[in-house]
């Protein structure tokens, strides 16, 4: 039995959006799928609406008659500040304004571990620590967490911010042995973020049940999220395929990995 009349999924043309399009389908009578890139044609129970996050009028229309939003849209890696500003900052504001004006009660926001990327890997952190972004991209996700907090405190729009680690079919390097989130666990986490009776405003880490951990994800237990997969399954293969890293390398020292070692994107 569908739990929502209409569920909006932004970023539906992306890798994670494509997975969630399939895995969340049973939660809603209608899935409204949106991206600024072409989305494959609608199937039964789907609507496809092409929209740029930076288009305020378009976002107002996109969020009309929607019960909840899974926001996977936006620039998904480091980029120019102008592009980050347009999609991840102005675009997120447009989304929340649409939700406010249209009475949407809950958002699941794809944040990122890059909002806290400059914490050392020797320290295990929970979701209450101050932001330490490692890039323009990380700054935009820190902004998103704060913006969603504002919209909850002032307007009552609930949000679960998912600080996604490394969401790929399988881990491909040694860092991902700690940060990996499997596609099925992503679907479990998003589903629980939508279905939990009350979430208020919360930040949780998007991670599978990995043996090696950078993050204390205790707060996610209140959602009923129970990861089923583990990067440990792939450890032998990953370690055989990748050299032992230099511990002095910033990409190894800090939780954000290569983002912390990269120079200014526009130089």
C-alpha atoms as a PDB file:
ATOM      1  CA  UNK A   1       0.000   0.000   0.000  1.00  0.00           C
ATOM      2  CA  UNK A   2       1.532   3.384  -1.021  1.00  0.00           C
ATOM      3  CA  UNK A   3       2.264   5.664   1.931  1.00  0.00           C
ATOM      4  CA  UNK A   4       2.277   8.884  -0.106  1.00  0.00           C
ATOM      5  CA  UNK A   5       0.021  10.257  -2.773  1.00  0.00           C
ATOM      6  CA  UNK A   6       2.885  12.000  -4.598  1.00  0.00           C
ATOM      7  CA  UNK A   7       6.606  11.821  -3.840  1.00  0.00           C
ATOM      8  CA  UNK A   8       9.079  14.163  -5.569  1.00  0.00           C
ATOM      9  CA  UNK A   9      12.540  12.862  -6.460  1.00  0.00           C
ATOM     10  CA  UNK A  10      14.992  15.473  -7.744  1.00  0.00           C
ATOM     11  CA  UNK A  11      18.205  14.489  -9.489  1.00  0.00           C
ATOM     12  CA  UNK A  12      16.299  11.590 -10.997  1.00  0.00           C
ATOM     13  CA  UNK A  13      18.648  11.305 -13.993  1.00  0.00           C
ATOM     14  CA  UNK A  14      21.739  10.802 -11.806  1.00  0.00           C
ATOM     15  CA  UNK A  15      23.262   7.533 -10.643  1.00  0.00           C
ATOM     16  CA  UNK A  16      21.675   7.598  -7.176  1.00  0.00           C
ATOM     17  CA  UNK A  17      18.434   9.082  -8.463  1.00  0.00           C
ATOM     18  CA  UNK A  18      18.149   6.229 -10.950  1.00  0.00           C
ATOM     19  CA  UNK A  19      18.513   3.695  -8.138  1.00  0.00           C
ATOM     20  CA  UNK A  20      15.971   5.459  -5.921  1.00  0.00           C
ATOM     21  CA  UNK A  21      13.492   5.840  -8.768  1.00  0.00           C
ATOM     22  CA  UNK A  22      13.207   2.067  -8.782  1.00  0.00           C
ATOM     23  CA  UNK A  23      13.573   1.358  -5.076  1.00  0.00           C
ATOM     24  CA  UNK A  24      11.130   3.984  -3.766  1.00  0.00           C
ATOM     25  CA  UNK A  25       8.410   3.354  -6.322  1.00  0.00           C
ATOM     26  CA  UNK A  26       6.192   1.376  -3.948  1.00  0.00           C
ATOM     27  CA  UNK A  27       6.041   4.205  -1.401  1.00  0.00           C
ATOM     28  CA  UNK A  28       3.886   6.534  -3.490  1.00  0.00           C
ATOM     29  CA  UNK A  29       0.920   6.338  -5.812  1.00  0.00           C
ATOM     30  CA  UNK A  30       2.763   8.790  -8.054  1.00  0.00           C
ATOM     31  CA  UNK A  31       6.515   9.402  -8.269  1.00  0.00           C
ATOM     32  CA  UNK A  32       7.310  12.837  -9.686  1.00  0.00           C
ATOM     33  CA  UNK A  33      10.772  12.647 -11.232  1.00  0.00           C
ATOM     34  CA  UNK A  34      12.780  15.760 -11.997  1.00  0.00           C
ATOM     35  CA  UNK A  35      16.198  16.780 -13.265  1.00  0.00           C
ATOM     36  CA  UNK A  36      17.596  19.494 -15.495  1.00  0.00           C
ATOM     37  CA  UNK A  37      19.047  16.708 -17.629  1.00  0.00           C
ATOM     38  CA  UNK A  38      16.742  14.436 -19.655  1.00  0.00           C
ATOM     39  CA  UNK A  39      14.995  11.756 -17.605  1.00  0.00           C
ATOM     40  CA  UNK A  40      13.935   8.537 -19.301  1.00  0.00           C
ATOM     41  CA  UNK A  41      10.208   8.426 -20.140  1.00  0.00           C
ATOM     42  CA  UNK A  42       7.666   8.008 -17.357  1.00  0.00           C
ATOM     43  CA  UNK A  43       6.397   4.536 -16.556  1.00  0.00           C
ATOM     44  CA  UNK A  44       3.111   3.691 -14.895  1.00  0.00           C
ATOM     45  CA  UNK A  45       2.772   5.651 -11.660  1.00  0.00           C
ATOM     46  CA  UNK A  46       5.394   8.225 -12.658  1.00  0.00           C
ATOM     47  CA  UNK A  47       5.483  11.845 -13.794  1.00  0.00           C
ATOM     48  CA  UNK A  48       8.558  13.384 -15.423  1.00  0.00           C
ATOM     49  CA  UNK A  49       9.029  17.144 -15.038  1.00  0.00           C
ATOM     50  CA  UNK A  50      12.234  18.656 -16.366  1.00  0.00           C
ATOM     51  CA  UNK A  51      13.295  21.575 -14.162  1.00  0.00           C
ATOM     52  CA  UNK A  52      16.434  23.514 -13.237  1.00  0.00           C
ATOM     53  CA  UNK A  53      16.838  24.050  -9.496  1.00  0.00           C
ATOM     54  CA  UNK A  54      17.837  27.664 -10.159  1.00  0.00           C
ATOM     55  CA  UNK A  55      14.413  28.370 -11.720  1.00  0.00           C
ATOM     56  CA  UNK A  56      12.348  29.702  -8.796  1.00  0.00           C
ATOM     57  CA  UNK A  57       9.014  29.631 -10.652  1.00  0.00           C
ATOM     58  CA  UNK A  58       9.729  26.167 -11.953  1.00  0.00           C
ATOM     59  CA  UNK A  59      10.558  24.884  -8.474  1.00  0.00           C
ATOM     60  CA  UNK A  60       7.364  26.389  -7.072  1.00  0.00           C
ATOM     61  CA  UNK A  61       5.370  24.458  -9.643  1.00  0.00           C
ATOM     62  CA  UNK A  62       7.462  21.319  -9.148  1.00  0.00           C
ATOM     63  CA  UNK A  63       6.676  21.126  -5.423  1.00  0.00           C
ATOM     64  CA  UNK A  64       2.924  21.648  -5.843  1.00  0.00           C
ATOM     65  CA  UNK A  65       0.704  18.753  -4.664  1.00  0.00           C
ATOM     66  CA  UNK A  66       3.728  16.918  -3.220  1.00  0.00           C
ATOM     67  CA  UNK A  67       3.688  15.104   0.141  1.00  0.00           C
ATOM     68  CA  UNK A  68       7.465  14.753   0.583  1.00  0.00           C
ATOM     69  CA  UNK A  69      10.699  15.374  -1.308  1.00  0.00           C
ATOM     70  CA  UNK A  70      13.825  13.285  -1.777  1.00  0.00           C
ATOM     71  CA  UNK A  71      16.352  15.893  -2.894  1.00  0.00           C
ATOM     72  CA  UNK A  72      19.233  14.279  -4.747  1.00  0.00           C
ATOM     73  CA  UNK A  73      19.599  17.114  -7.278  1.00  0.00           C
ATOM     74  CA  UNK A  74      22.401  19.632  -7.653  1.00  0.00           C
ATOM     75  CA  UNK A  75      26.098  19.616  -8.472  1.00  0.00           C
ATOM     76  CA  UNK A  76      27.398  16.369  -7.012  1.00  0.00           C
ATOM     77  CA  UNK A  77      31.144  17.054  -6.785  1.00  0.00           C
ATOM     78  CA  UNK A  78      33.576  19.966  -6.640  1.00  0.00           C
ATOM     79  CA  UNK A  79      33.018  22.613  -9.312  1.00  0.00           C
ATOM     80  CA  UNK A  80      33.300  26.347  -9.893  1.00  0.00           C
ATOM     81  CA  UNK A  81      31.815  28.538  -7.196  1.00  0.00           C
ATOM     82  CA  UNK A  82      29.354  29.976  -9.709  1.00  0.00           C
ATOM     83  CA  UNK A  83      27.977  26.531 -10.560  1.00  0.00           C
ATOM     84  CA  UNK A  84      27.846  25.477  -6.910  1.00  0.00           C
ATOM     85  CA  UNK A  85      26.084  28.721  -6.012  1.00  0.00           C
ATOM     86  CA  UNK A  86      23.434  28.345  -8.705  1.00  0.00           C
ATOM     87  CA  UNK A  87      22.523  24.706  -8.151  1.00  0.00           C
ATOM     88  CA  UNK A  88      23.366  23.879  -4.543  1.00  0.00           C
ATOM     89  CA  UNK A  89      22.702  27.155  -2.756  1.00  0.00           C
ATOM     90  CA  UNK A  90      20.171  29.176  -4.772  1.00  0.00           C
ATOM     91  CA  UNK A  91      18.613  25.935  -6.001  1.00  0.00           C
ATOM     92  CA  UNK A  92      18.165  24.582  -2.482  1.00  0.00           C
ATOM     93  CA  UNK A  93      16.614  27.859  -1.352  1.00  0.00           C
ATOM     94  CA  UNK A  94      14.168  27.596  -4.262  1.00  0.00           C
ATOM     95  CA  UNK A  95      13.294  24.052  -3.217  1.00  0.00           C
ATOM     96  CA  UNK A  96      12.549  25.015   0.386  1.00  0.00           C
ATOM     97  CA  UNK A  97      10.580  28.067  -0.669  1.00  0.00           C
ATOM     98  CA  UNK A  98       8.492  25.831  -2.896  1.00  0.00           C
ATOM     99  CA  UNK A  99       7.971  23.432  -0.008  1.00  0.00           C
ATOM    100  CA  UNK A 100       7.010  26.277   2.339  1.00  0.00           C
ATOM    101  CA  UNK A 101       4.525  27.832  -0.062  1.00  0.00           C
ATOM    102  CA  UNK A 102       3.018  24.495  -1.055  1.00  0.00           C
ATOM    103  CA  UNK A 103       2.842  22.983   2.439  1.00  0.00           C
ATOM    104  CA  UNK A 104       5.285  20.121   1.903  1.00  0.00           C
ATOM    105  CA  UNK A 105       6.016  18.601   5.306  1.00  0.00           C
ATOM    106  CA  UNK A 106       9.221  16.607   4.865  1.00  0.00           C
ATOM    107  CA  UNK A 107      12.448  16.674   2.871  1.00  0.00           C
ATOM    108  CA  UNK A 108      15.192  14.060   2.694  1.00  0.00           C
ATOM    109  CA  UNK A 109      18.273  16.059   1.733  1.00  0.00           C
ATOM    110  CA  UNK A 110      21.373  14.497   0.189  1.00  0.00           C
ATOM    111  CA  UNK A 111      24.113  16.175   2.176  1.00  0.00           C
ATOM    112  CA  UNK A 112      27.663  14.843   2.137  1.00  0.00           C
ATOM    113  CA  UNK A 113      30.597  13.783   4.268  1.00  0.00           C
ATOM    114  CA  UNK A 114      32.434  16.669   2.603  1.00  0.00           C
ATOM    115  CA  UNK A 115      30.603  19.035   4.965  1.00  0.00           C
ATOM    116  CA  UNK A 116      32.922  17.651   7.667  1.00  0.00           C
ATOM    117  CA  UNK A 117      35.845  16.558   5.483  1.00  0.00           C
ATOM    118  CA  UNK A 118      38.633  18.289   7.415  1.00  0.00           C
ATOM    119  CA  UNK A 119      38.202  16.230  10.564  1.00  0.00           C
ATOM    120  CA  UNK A 120      41.189  13.884  10.976  1.00  0.00           C
ATOM    121  CA  UNK A 121      40.666  10.221  10.268  1.00  0.00           C
ATOM    122  CA  UNK A 122      42.055   9.441  13.716  1.00  0.00           C
ATOM    123  CA  UNK A 123      38.905  10.952  15.270  1.00  0.00           C
ATOM    124  CA  UNK A 124      35.485   9.320  15.252  1.00  0.00           C
ATOM    125  CA  UNK A 125      32.784  12.000  15.062  1.00  0.00           C
ATOM    126  CA  UNK A 126      29.025  12.039  15.399  1.00  0.00           C
ATOM    127  CA  UNK A 127      26.489  14.256  13.653  1.00  0.00           C
ATOM    128  CA  UNK A 128      26.651  17.019  16.278  1.00  0.00           C
ATOM    129  CA  UNK A 129      30.147  18.292  15.424  1.00  0.00           C
ATOM    130  CA  UNK A 130      30.608  21.712  13.782  1.00  0.00           C
ATOM    131  CA  UNK A 131      31.029  21.806  10.034  1.00  0.00           C
ATOM    132  CA  UNK A 132      34.542  21.567   8.588  1.00  0.00           C
ATOM    133  CA  UNK A 133      33.940  21.567   4.814  1.00  0.00           C
ATOM    134  CA  UNK A 134      36.729  20.537   2.472  1.00  0.00           C
ATOM    135  CA  UNK A 135      35.575  22.201  -0.785  1.00  0.00           C
ATOM    136  CA  UNK A 136      33.037  24.581  -2.306  1.00  0.00           C
ATOM    137  CA  UNK A 137      30.880  21.483  -2.660  1.00  0.00           C
ATOM    138  CA  UNK A 138      31.268  20.749   1.058  1.00  0.00           C
ATOM    139  CA  UNK A 139      30.450  24.373   1.891  1.00  0.00           C
ATOM    140  CA  UNK A 140      27.217  24.063  -0.097  1.00  0.00           C
ATOM    141  CA  UNK A 141      26.221  20.958   1.851  1.00  0.00           C
ATOM    142  CA  UNK A 142      26.978  22.674   5.157  1.00  0.00           C
ATOM    143  CA  UNK A 143      24.781  25.543   3.961  1.00  0.00           C
ATOM    144  CA  UNK A 144      22.049  23.056   3.077  1.00  0.00           C
ATOM    145  CA  UNK A 145      22.095  21.537   6.540  1.00  0.00           C
ATOM    146  CA  UNK A 146      21.797  24.999   8.089  1.00  0.00           C
ATOM    147  CA  UNK A 147      19.113  26.158   5.650  1.00  0.00           C
ATOM    148  CA  UNK A 148      17.022  23.080   6.363  1.00  0.00           C
ATOM    149  CA  UNK A 149      17.409  23.724  10.094  1.00  0.00           C
ATOM    150  CA  UNK A 150      16.083  27.255   9.581  1.00  0.00           C
ATOM    151  CA  UNK A 151      13.071  25.995   7.639  1.00  0.00           C
ATOM    152  CA  UNK A 152      12.299  23.502  10.400  1.00  0.00           C
ATOM    153  CA  UNK A 153      12.671  25.955  13.282  1.00  0.00           C
ATOM    154  CA  UNK A 154      10.703  28.712  11.556  1.00  0.00           C
ATOM    155  CA  UNK A 155       8.204  26.847   9.361  1.00  0.00           C
ATOM    156  CA  UNK A 156       8.098  23.280  10.706  1.00  0.00           C
ATOM    157  CA  UNK A 157       9.369  21.543   7.551  1.00  0.00           C
ATOM    158  CA  UNK A 158      11.021  18.341   8.763  1.00  0.00           C
ATOM    159  CA  UNK A 159      14.315  17.341   7.184  1.00  0.00           C
ATOM    160  CA  UNK A 160      16.648  14.388   7.436  1.00  0.00           C
ATOM    161  CA  UNK A 161      20.092  15.420   6.160  1.00  0.00           C
ATOM    162  CA  UNK A 162      22.016  12.406   4.888  1.00  0.00           C
ATOM    163  CA  UNK A 163      25.780  12.917   5.049  1.00  0.00           C
ATOM    164  CA  UNK A 164      26.416  10.379   2.328  1.00  0.00           C
ATOM    165  CA  UNK A 165      29.812   8.724   2.405  1.00  0.00           C
ATOM    166  CA  UNK A 166      30.821   6.900  -0.800  1.00  0.00           C
ATOM    167  CA  UNK A 167      27.760   5.462  -2.532  1.00  0.00           C
ATOM    168  CA  UNK A 168      28.840   3.103  -5.285  1.00  0.00           C
ATOM    169  CA  UNK A 169      28.057  -0.480  -6.306  1.00  0.00           C
ATOM    170  CA  UNK A 170      31.117  -1.555  -4.304  1.00  0.00           C
ATOM    171  CA  UNK A 171      34.115   0.110  -2.605  1.00  0.00           C
ATOM    172  CA  UNK A 172      36.994   0.785  -4.987  1.00  0.00           C
ATOM    173  CA  UNK A 173      39.721   2.161  -2.681  1.00  0.00           C
ATOM    174  CA  UNK A 174      40.921   1.855   0.913  1.00  0.00           C
ATOM    175  CA  UNK A 175      39.107   4.972   2.131  1.00  0.00           C
ATOM    176  CA  UNK A 176      35.808   3.494   0.972  1.00  0.00           C
ATOM    177  CA  UNK A 177      36.292   0.559   3.325  1.00  0.00           C
ATOM    178  CA  UNK A 178      35.199   3.068   5.981  1.00  0.00           C
ATOM    179  CA  UNK A 179      32.879   5.373   3.995  1.00  0.00           C
ATOM    180  CA  UNK A 180      31.002   2.990   1.693  1.00  0.00           C
ATOM    181  CA  UNK A 181      27.217   3.081   1.382  1.00  0.00           C
ATOM    182  CA  UNK A 182      25.713   0.367  -0.789  1.00  0.00           C
ATOM    183  CA  UNK A 183      22.847   1.138  -3.143  1.00  0.00           C
ATOM    184  CA  UNK A 184      20.431  -1.113  -1.197  1.00  0.00           C
ATOM    185  CA  UNK A 185      21.432   0.549   2.097  1.00  0.00           C
ATOM    186  CA  UNK A 186      20.881   3.959   0.510  1.00  0.00           C
ATOM    187  CA  UNK A 187      17.337   2.901  -0.362  1.00  0.00           C
ATOM    188  CA  UNK A 188      16.813   1.607   3.182  1.00  0.00           C
ATOM    189  CA  UNK A 189      18.066   4.863   4.690  1.00  0.00           C
ATOM    190  CA  UNK A 190      15.952   7.083   2.449  1.00  0.00           C
ATOM    191  CA  UNK A 191      12.869   4.920   3.030  1.00  0.00           C
ATOM    192  CA  UNK A 192      13.248   5.114   6.793  1.00  0.00           C
ATOM    193  CA  UNK A 193      13.828   8.871   6.566  1.00  0.00           C
ATOM    194  CA  UNK A 194      10.499   9.188   4.774  1.00  0.00           C
ATOM    195  CA  UNK A 195       8.512   6.750   6.904  1.00  0.00           C
ATOM    196  CA  UNK A 196       9.693   7.508  10.456  1.00  0.00           C
ATOM    197  CA  UNK A 197       6.745   9.112  12.288  1.00  0.00           C
ATOM    198  CA  UNK A 198       8.645  12.208  13.409  1.00  0.00           C
ATOM    199  CA  UNK A 199      12.141  13.342  12.511  1.00  0.00           C
ATOM    200  CA  UNK A 200      12.187  17.072  13.288  1.00  0.00           C
ATOM    201  CA  UNK A 201      15.542  18.170  11.940  1.00  0.00           C
ATOM    202  CA  UNK A 202      18.308  15.610  12.067  1.00  0.00           C
ATOM    203  CA  UNK A 203      21.660  14.815  10.489  1.00  0.00           C
ATOM    204  CA  UNK A 204      22.719  11.210   9.960  1.00  0.00           C
ATOM    205  CA  UNK A 205      25.557   9.527   8.113  1.00  0.00           C
ATOM    206  CA  UNK A 206      24.946   7.583   4.935  1.00  0.00           C
ATOM    207  CA  UNK A 207      27.076   4.511   5.597  1.00  0.00           C
ATOM    208  CA  UNK A 208      26.751   0.761   5.458  1.00  0.00           C
ATOM    209  CA  UNK A 209      27.616  -1.594   8.322  1.00  0.00           C
ATOM    210  CA  UNK A 210      31.354  -1.285   7.733  1.00  0.00           C
ATOM    211  CA  UNK A 211      33.833  -2.693  10.232  1.00  0.00           C
ATOM    212  CA  UNK A 212      36.079   0.362   9.876  1.00  0.00           C
ATOM    213  CA  UNK A 213      34.190   3.521  10.859  1.00  0.00           C
ATOM    214  CA  UNK A 214      34.899   7.242  10.807  1.00  0.00           C
ATOM    215  CA  UNK A 215      31.457   8.208  12.075  1.00  0.00           C
ATOM    216  CA  UNK A 216      29.262   7.413  15.055  1.00  0.00           C
ATOM    217  CA  UNK A 217      25.850   6.972  13.436  1.00  0.00           C
ATOM    218  CA  UNK A 218      23.844   6.461  16.631  1.00  0.00           C
ATOM    219  CA  UNK A 219      21.347   9.143  15.658  1.00  0.00           C
ATOM    220  CA  UNK A 220      20.291   7.119  12.611  1.00  0.00           C
ATOM    221  CA  UNK A 221      18.954   4.370  14.889  1.00  0.00           C
ATOM    222  CA  UNK A 222      15.965   6.560  15.766  1.00  0.00           C
ATOM    223  CA  UNK A 223      14.861   6.252  12.138  1.00  0.00           C
ATOM    224  CA  UNK A 224      14.867   2.475  12.322  1.00  0.00           C
ATOM    225  CA  UNK A 225      17.688   2.320   9.780  1.00  0.00           C
ATOM    226  CA  UNK A 226      19.512  -1.013   9.884  1.00  0.00           C
ATOM    227  CA  UNK A 227      22.196  -1.377   7.183  1.00  0.00           C
ATOM    228  CA  UNK A 228      22.557  -4.834   5.715  1.00  0.00           C
ATOM    229  CA  UNK A 229      25.774  -4.545   3.692  1.00  0.00           C
ATOM    230  CA  UNK A 230      29.424  -4.124   4.672  1.00  0.00           C
ATOM    231  CA  UNK A 231      32.571  -3.018   2.868  1.00  0.00           C
ATOM    232  CA  UNK A 232      34.392  -5.777   4.719  1.00  0.00           C
ATOM    233  CA  UNK A 233      33.168  -8.185   2.049  1.00  0.00           C
ATOM    234  CA  UNK A 234      35.464  -6.391  -0.417  1.00  0.00           C
ATOM    235  CA  UNK A 235      38.488  -5.711   1.814  1.00  0.00           C
ATOM    236  CA  UNK A 236      40.785  -8.418   0.448  1.00  0.00           C
ATOM    237  CA  UNK A 237      40.091  -7.393  -3.153  1.00  0.00           C
ATOM    238  CA  UNK A 238      40.506  -3.653  -2.472  1.00  0.00           C
ATOM    239  CA  UNK A 239      43.741  -4.028  -0.521  1.00  0.00           C
ATOM    240  CA  UNK A 240      45.228  -6.301  -3.185  1.00  0.00           C
ATOM    241  CA  UNK A 241      44.386  -3.775  -5.916  1.00  0.00           C
ATOM    242  CA  UNK A 242      45.542  -0.579  -4.180  1.00  0.00           C
ATOM    243  CA  UNK A 243      48.913   0.382  -2.651  1.00  0.00           C
ATOM    244  CA  UNK A 244      49.336   1.225   1.018  1.00  0.00           C
ATOM    245  CA  UNK A 245      48.885   5.016   1.123  1.00  0.00           C
ATOM    246  CA  UNK A 246      51.306   7.574   2.542  1.00  0.00           C
ATOM    247  CA  UNK A 247      49.921   8.554   5.979  1.00  0.00           C
ATOM    248  CA  UNK A 248      51.313  12.093   5.507  1.00  0.00           C
ATOM    249  CA  UNK A 249      49.113  12.687   2.453  1.00  0.00           C
ATOM    250  CA  UNK A 250      46.185  15.020   3.291  1.00  0.00           C
ATOM    251  CA  UNK A 251      43.940  12.675   1.324  1.00  0.00           C
ATOM    252  CA  UNK A 252      44.793  10.024   3.910  1.00  0.00           C
ATOM    253  CA  UNK A 253      44.973  12.207   7.018  1.00  0.00           C
ATOM    254  CA  UNK A 254      41.536  13.776   6.653  1.00  0.00           C
ATOM    255  CA  UNK A 255      38.088  12.245   6.382  1.00  0.00           C
ATOM    256  CA  UNK A 256      37.258  14.026   3.130  1.00  0.00           C
ATOM    257  CA  UNK A 257      39.945  12.154   1.234  1.00  0.00           C
ATOM    258  CA  UNK A 258      41.045  13.616  -2.087  1.00  0.00           C
ATOM    259  CA  UNK A 259      38.818  16.677  -1.697  1.00  0.00           C
ATOM    260  CA  UNK A 260      41.095  17.900   1.108  1.00  0.00           C
ATOM    261  CA  UNK A 261      44.239  17.551  -0.987  1.00  0.00           C
ATOM    262  CA  UNK A 262      42.895  19.175  -4.151  1.00  0.00           C
ATOM    263  CA  UNK A 263      43.799  22.757  -5.002  1.00  0.00           C
ATOM    264  CA  UNK A 264      41.405  25.576  -5.748  1.00  0.00           C
ATOM    265  CA  UNK A 265      39.074  24.263  -8.452  1.00  0.00           C
ATOM    266  CA  UNK A 266      39.258  27.398 -10.607  1.00  0.00           C
ATOM    267  CA  UNK A 267      43.065  27.786 -10.606  1.00  0.00           C
END
